[in-house]
C-alpha atoms as a PDB file:
ATOM      1  CA  MET A   1      24.842  15.745  21.408  1.00  0.00           C
ATOM      2  CA  LYS A   2      27.114  18.702  22.745  1.00  0.00           C
ATOM      3  CA  ASP A   3      28.518  19.750  19.729  1.00  0.00           C
ATOM      4  CA  LEU A   4      25.118  20.329  17.855  1.00  0.00           C
ATOM      5  CA  GLU A   5      23.886  24.051  16.976  1.00  0.00           C
ATOM      6  CA  ILE A   6      20.914  25.028  15.297  1.00  0.00           C
ATOM      7  CA  ILE A   7      22.054  27.919  13.145  1.00  0.00           C
ATOM      8  CA  GLN A   8      20.516  30.235  10.707  1.00  0.00           C
ATOM      9  CA  PHE A   9      21.497  30.150   7.222  1.00  0.00           C
ATOM     10  CA  GLU A  10      24.140  31.901   5.654  1.00  0.00           C
ATOM     11  CA  ASP A  11      25.082  32.165   2.055  1.00  0.00           C
ATOM     12  CA  LYS A  12      28.404  30.691   2.750  1.00  0.00           C
ATOM     13  CA  TYR A  13      26.476  27.433   3.702  1.00  0.00           C
ATOM     14  CA  GLN A  14      24.403  27.086   0.501  1.00  0.00           C
ATOM     15  CA  LYS A  15      26.256  24.301  -1.139  1.00  0.00           C
ATOM     16  CA  GLN A  16      26.370  22.262   1.599  1.00  0.00           C
ATOM     17  CA  PHE A  17      22.099  22.991   1.721  1.00  0.00           C
ATOM     18  CA  LYS A  18      22.082  21.757  -1.751  1.00  0.00           C
ATOM     19  CA  ASN A  19      24.184  19.263  -0.995  1.00  0.00           C
ATOM     20  CA  ILE A  20      22.461  17.560   1.914  1.00  0.00           C
ATOM     21  CA  ASN A  21      18.451  17.833  -0.029  1.00  0.00           C
ATOM     22  CA  LEU A  22      20.378  17.000  -3.440  1.00  0.00           C
ATOM     23  CA  HIS A  23      21.186  13.627  -1.704  1.00  0.00           C
ATOM     24  CA  TRP A  24      18.241  12.523  -0.270  1.00  0.00           C
ATOM     25  CA  LEU A  25      16.443  13.578  -3.543  1.00  0.00           C
ATOM     26  CA  ASN A  26      18.132  11.246  -5.568  1.00  0.00           C
ATOM     27  CA  LYS A  27      18.647   8.591  -3.295  1.00  0.00           C
ATOM     28  CA  PHE A  28      14.891   7.988  -3.076  1.00  0.00           C
ATOM     29  CA  GLU A  29      14.451   9.426  -6.493  1.00  0.00           C
ATOM     30  CA  LEU A  30      12.139  12.517  -6.072  1.00  0.00           C
ATOM     31  CA  TYR A  31      14.279  14.855  -7.522  1.00  0.00           C
ATOM     32  CA  GLU A  32      12.649  17.224 -10.180  1.00  0.00           C
ATOM     33  CA  LYS A  33      13.255  20.285 -11.567  1.00  0.00           C
ATOM     34  CA  ALA A  34      11.477  22.493  -9.064  1.00  0.00           C
ATOM     35  CA  ASP A  35      13.487  21.627  -5.951  1.00  0.00           C
ATOM     36  CA  ASP A  36      16.025  23.832  -7.858  1.00  0.00           C
ATOM     37  CA  LYS A  37      14.016  26.944  -7.005  1.00  0.00           C
ATOM     38  CA  LEU A  38      15.020  26.661  -3.138  1.00  0.00           C
ATOM     39  CA  LEU A  39      18.226  24.702  -3.515  1.00  0.00           C
ATOM     40  CA  ASP A  40      19.845  27.436  -5.971  1.00  0.00           C
ATOM     41  CA  ASN A  41      18.567  30.633  -4.458  1.00  0.00           C
ATOM     42  CA  PRO A  42      17.695  30.383  -0.808  1.00  0.00           C
ATOM     43  CA  ASP A  43      17.891  34.033  -0.040  1.00  0.00           C
ATOM     44  CA  LEU A  44      15.086  34.717  -2.225  1.00  0.00           C
ATOM     45  CA  PHE A  45      12.603  32.557  -0.216  1.00  0.00           C
ATOM     46  CA  ILE A  46      14.234  34.581   2.927  1.00  0.00           C
ATOM     47  CA  GLN A  47      13.577  38.287   1.479  1.00  0.00           C
ATOM     48  CA  ASN A  48      10.058  37.015   0.994  1.00  0.00           C
ATOM     49  CA  GLY A  49       9.781  35.694   4.753  1.00  0.00           C
ATOM     50  CA  ALA A  50      11.506  32.048   5.161  1.00  0.00           C
ATOM     51  CA  THR A  51      13.622  30.963   7.600  1.00  0.00           C
ATOM     52  CA  ILE A  52      15.825  28.153   6.649  1.00  0.00           C
ATOM     53  CA  LEU A  53      17.835  26.353   9.609  1.00  0.00           C
ATOM     54  CA  LEU A  54      20.933  24.326   9.630  1.00  0.00           C
ATOM     55  CA  VAL A  55      22.279  22.177  12.122  1.00  0.00           C
ATOM     56  CA  LYS A  56      26.037  21.913  12.414  1.00  0.00           C
ATOM     57  CA  VAL A  57      27.826  19.137  14.399  1.00  0.00           C
ATOM     58  CA  ASN A  58      31.599  19.824  14.843  1.00  0.00           C
ATOM     59  CA  ASN A  59      31.613  22.465  12.422  1.00  0.00           C
ATOM     60  CA  ASN A  60      29.826  20.350   9.668  1.00  0.00           C
ATOM     61  CA  ILE A  61      26.436  20.943   8.115  1.00  0.00           C
ATOM     62  CA  VAL A  62      24.236  17.752   8.769  1.00  0.00           C
ATOM     63  CA  GLY A  63      20.934  18.897   8.903  1.00  0.00           C
ATOM     64  CA  THR A  64      17.903  21.319   7.418  1.00  0.00           C
ATOM     65  CA  ILE A  65      14.631  22.714   7.252  1.00  0.00           C
ATOM     66  CA  CYS A  66      13.038  25.772   5.397  1.00  0.00           C
ATOM     67  CA  LEU A  67       9.894  27.208   6.868  1.00  0.00           C
ATOM     68  CA  ASN A  68       8.077  29.383   4.560  1.00  0.00           C
ATOM     69  CA  PRO A  69       4.818  31.826   5.023  1.00  0.00           C
ATOM     70  CA  ILE A  70       2.458  30.897   2.397  1.00  0.00           C
ATOM     71  CA  ASN A  71       0.243  33.326   3.873  1.00  0.00           C
ATOM     72  CA  LYS A  72      -0.223  35.084   7.219  1.00  0.00           C
ATOM     73  CA  THR A  73      -1.727  32.480   8.727  1.00  0.00           C
ATOM     74  CA  SER A  74      -0.007  29.051   7.149  1.00  0.00           C
ATOM     75  CA  TYR A  75       3.639  28.410   6.444  1.00  0.00           C
ATOM     76  CA  GLU A  76       5.017  25.613   4.779  1.00  0.00           C
ATOM     77  CA  ILE A  77       7.646  22.745   5.918  1.00  0.00           C
ATOM     78  CA  LEU A  78      10.376  22.450   2.910  1.00  0.00           C
ATOM     79  CA  LYS A  79      14.086  20.871   2.475  1.00  0.00           C
ATOM     80  CA  PHE A  80      13.866  18.930   5.676  1.00  0.00           C
ATOM     81  CA  ALA A  81      16.913  16.627   5.643  1.00  0.00           C
ATOM     82  CA  VAL A  82      19.204  15.134   8.367  1.00  0.00           C
ATOM     83  CA  MET A  83      22.419  13.469   6.605  1.00  0.00           C
ATOM     84  CA  ASP A  84      22.770   9.708   7.102  1.00  0.00           C
ATOM     85  CA  GLY A  85      25.021   8.635   9.671  1.00  0.00           C
ATOM     86  CA  TYR A  86      23.353  11.533  12.146  1.00  0.00           C
ATOM     87  CA  LYS A  87      19.887   9.894  12.276  1.00  0.00           C
ATOM     88  CA  GLY A  88      18.066   8.677  14.768  1.00  0.00           C
ATOM     89  CA  LEU A  89      19.781  11.422  17.083  1.00  0.00           C
ATOM     90  CA  GLY A  90      16.890  13.443  17.918  1.00  0.00           C
ATOM     91  CA  ILE A  91      17.979  16.080  15.448  1.00  0.00           C
ATOM     92  CA  GLY A  92      14.962  16.081  13.069  1.00  0.00           C
ATOM     93  CA  LYS A  93      12.593  16.153  16.141  1.00  0.00           C
ATOM     94  CA  LYS A  94      14.460  19.038  17.274  1.00  0.00           C
ATOM     95  CA  LEU A  95      14.286  21.193  13.924  1.00  0.00           C
ATOM     96  CA  MET A  96      10.736  19.641  14.139  1.00  0.00           C
ATOM     97  CA  GLN A  97       9.912  21.548  17.287  1.00  0.00           C
ATOM     98  CA  ILE A  98      11.370  24.871  16.667  1.00  0.00           C
ATOM     99  CA  CYS A  99       9.486  25.563  13.672  1.00  0.00           C
ATOM    100  CA  ILE A 100       6.373  24.438  15.699  1.00  0.00           C
ATOM    101  CA  ASP A 101       7.460  26.879  18.058  1.00  0.00           C
ATOM    102  CA  LEU A 102       8.258  29.523  15.802  1.00  0.00           C
ATOM    103  CA  CYS A 103       5.244  28.910  14.210  1.00  0.00           C
ATOM    104  CA  LYS A 104       3.346  29.365  17.490  1.00  0.00           C
ATOM    105  CA  GLN A 105       5.202  32.586  18.072  1.00  0.00           C
ATOM    106  CA  LYS A 106       4.347  34.156  14.920  1.00  0.00           C
ATOM    107  CA  ARG A 107       0.692  32.892  15.493  1.00  0.00           C
ATOM    108  CA  VAL A 108       0.867  30.342  12.459  1.00  0.00           C
ATOM    109  CA  GLU A 109      -3.024  29.115  12.164  1.00  0.00           C
ATOM    110  CA  THR A 110      -1.456  25.849   9.858  1.00  0.00           C
ATOM    111  CA  ILE A 111       1.537  24.139   9.183  1.00  0.00           C
ATOM    112  CA  ILE A 112       1.347  22.055   6.009  1.00  0.00           C
ATOM    113  CA  LEU A 113       3.883  20.019   4.226  1.00  0.00           C
ATOM    114  CA  GLU A 114       4.201  17.606   1.222  1.00  0.00           C
ATOM    115  CA  SER A 115       6.034  14.612   0.988  1.00  0.00           C
ATOM    116  CA  SER A 116       6.954  11.233  -0.387  1.00  0.00           C
ATOM    117  CA  SER A 117       4.938   7.739   0.506  1.00  0.00           C
ATOM    118  CA  LYS A 118       8.595   6.708   0.325  1.00  0.00           C
ATOM    119  CA  LEU A 119       9.717   8.549   3.159  1.00  0.00           C
ATOM    120  CA  GLN A 120       8.170   6.703   5.572  1.00  0.00           C
ATOM    121  CA  ASN A 121      10.336   7.515   8.654  1.00  0.00           C
ATOM    122  CA  ALA A 122       9.942  11.281   8.059  1.00  0.00           C
ATOM    123  CA  LEU A 123       6.430  10.447   7.792  1.00  0.00           C
ATOM    124  CA  ASN A 124       6.056   8.796  11.151  1.00  0.00           C
ATOM    125  CA  LEU A 125       8.040  11.874  12.614  1.00  0.00           C
ATOM    126  CA  TYR A 126       5.348  14.188  11.189  1.00  0.00           C
ATOM    127  CA  GLU A 127       2.476  11.659  12.943  1.00  0.00           C
ATOM    128  CA  LYS A 128       4.279  11.849  16.005  1.00  0.00           C
ATOM    129  CA  PHE A 129       4.255  15.650  16.093  1.00  0.00           C
ATOM    130  CA  GLY A 130       0.541  15.322  15.526  1.00  0.00           C
ATOM    131  CA  PHE A 131       0.205  16.336  11.714  1.00  0.00           C
ATOM    132  CA  LYS A 132      -2.488  14.695  10.289  1.00  0.00           C
ATOM    133  CA  HIS A 133      -2.962  13.617   6.505  1.00  0.00           C
ATOM    134  CA  VAL A 134      -5.251  15.704   4.151  1.00  0.00           C
ATOM    135  CA  GLU A 135      -6.352  15.624   0.255  1.00  0.00           C
ATOM    136  CA  ILE A 136      -3.731  16.716  -2.332  1.00  0.00           C
ATOM    137  CA  LYS A 137      -5.682  18.939  -4.083  1.00  0.00           C
ATOM    138  CA  ASP A 138      -2.671  20.733  -6.332  1.00  0.00           C
ATOM    139  CA  THR A 139       1.088  20.112  -5.686  1.00  0.00           C
ATOM    140  CA  TYR A 140       4.169  21.934  -6.666  1.00  0.00           C
ATOM    141  CA  PHE A 141       6.296  18.932  -6.249  1.00  0.00           C
ATOM    142  CA  VAL A 142       5.163  16.188  -9.270  1.00  0.00           C
ATOM    143  CA  THR A 143       6.635  13.326  -6.725  1.00  0.00           C
ATOM    144  CA  ALA A 144       4.292  14.774  -4.023  1.00  0.00           C
ATOM    145  CA  ASP A 145       2.116  11.996  -3.304  1.00  0.00           C
ATOM    146  CA  VAL A 146       1.697  13.039   0.540  1.00  0.00           C
ATOM    147  CA  LYS A 147       0.104  16.300   2.196  1.00  0.00           C
ATOM    148  CA  MET A 148      -0.127  16.721   5.736  1.00  0.00           C
ATOM    149  CA  GLU A 149      -1.112  19.623   7.664  1.00  0.00           C
ATOM    150  CA  LEU A 150      -0.862  20.612  11.831  1.00  0.00           C
ATOM    151  CA  LYS A 151      -3.876  23.020  12.696  1.00  0.00           C
ATOM    152  CA  LEU A 152      -1.909  25.248  15.682  1.00  0.00           C
ATOM    153  CA  LYS A 153      -5.153  26.993  16.439  1.00  0.00           C
END
C-alpha cells in the first residue's frame, strides 16, 4: 500500500484517535470509563514519555497504537487499533514491529499488554510476535481478561 504513512500523534488528530478506538471498544462491548483518560488526554501520556503512532492512508487516519512507559525497563501497548476495511493489509504488523523496534532502541526489557479474549485476531497477532500469556495480578481495565508480555532481554 503505497499511500500508507506512519506518523506521530498531533493534537489535530485527537478526534480520529478517539473515534477509531471507541469504534472497536464499543463493537466488542469493552468500553469503560478508564479508556477516557488516554482517549481524551493523549498529550498527558506523551508528556510522560509515551509514543502514539497513527496510520495515515490517503489522508485518513486508519490505525493507532500507543507505547507507554511503565518504568525504565517496561513499556505497555495501549489503544492498538486498525479500522474495519483496512484490516488484513499488514498495518497492525507494521505498527507492532515499529513499537518493538522502538523498545529495543530504548533498551526496554519487557513489553506488556492487556487485552480481551473477545479480540482473538489481536491475540493471534501478539502470539506471532512472541508475546506470552501471563497471569493477571492486577489490571487497570475491568474488561481485560488477558495479559501478555514480550521479553526483549
